[in-house]
Amino acid sequence: MRVFASLVMLAALCTASPALPQVVQAPFGEVAHHVVRVDGIRFHYVIA
């Protein structure tokens, strides 16, 4: 079930509206915060 949920989340992120990155300088390198909306749900993810 967890694998299925992960695949659904990945598919949703791939088809979601484009995220607007906000790059923040952090002590350990660059961090980019992203926000996407999928079916009315707001997802926040960070790439470091």
Protein backbone atom coordinates (compact mmCIF):
# COMPACT_ATOMS: atom_id res chain seq x y z
CA MET A 1 0.00 0.00 0.00
CA ARG A 2 2.86 2.39 0.83
CA VAL A 3 4.44 1.80 -2.61
CA PHE A 4 1.12 2.56 -4.29
CA ALA A 5 0.73 5.78 -2.29
CA SER A 6 4.27 6.82 -3.21
CA LEU A 7 3.60 6.21 -6.89
CA VAL A 8 0.38 8.22 -6.73
CA MET A 9 2.22 11.10 -5.04
CA LEU A 10 4.99 11.01 -7.64
CA ALA A 11 2.46 11.00 -10.48
CA ALA A 12 0.60 13.91 -8.88
CA LEU A 13 3.79 15.94 -8.53
CA CYS A 14 4.75 15.25 -12.14
CA THR A 15 1.36 16.44 -13.43
CA ALA A 16 0.87 19.30 -10.97
CA SER A 17 1.12 22.95 -11.85
CA PRO A 18 4.70 24.20 -11.99
CA ALA A 19 6.29 25.10 -8.69
CA LEU A 20 7.85 28.47 -8.06
CA PRO A 21 11.24 27.91 -6.41
CA GLN A 22 12.38 30.15 -3.59
CA VAL A 23 16.13 29.77 -3.17
CA VAL A 24 17.48 30.45 0.31
CA GLN A 25 21.15 30.50 1.28
CA ALA A 26 21.72 28.04 4.15
CA PRO A 27 24.85 27.15 6.14
CA PHE A 28 25.04 23.74 4.40
CA GLY A 29 24.38 24.95 0.83
CA GLU A 30 21.52 26.09 -1.34
CA VAL A 31 17.97 25.12 -0.38
CA ALA A 32 15.02 25.52 -2.75
CA HIS A 33 11.48 25.48 -1.36
CA HIS A 34 8.69 24.51 -3.75
CA VAL A 35 4.92 24.58 -3.43
CA VAL A 36 2.48 22.79 -5.74
CA ARG A 37 -1.28 22.33 -5.61
CA VAL A 38 -2.77 18.99 -6.60
CA ASP A 39 -6.54 18.55 -6.50
CA GLY A 40 -6.84 21.42 -4.01
CA ILE A 41 -4.14 20.08 -1.69
CA ARG A 42 -1.03 22.20 -1.14
CA PHE A 43 2.29 20.32 -1.04
CA HIS A 44 5.53 21.90 0.15
CA TYR A 45 8.82 20.20 -0.63
CA VAL A 46 12.45 21.21 -0.26
CA ILE A 47 15.42 20.36 -2.47
CA ALA A 48 18.78 20.70 -0.73
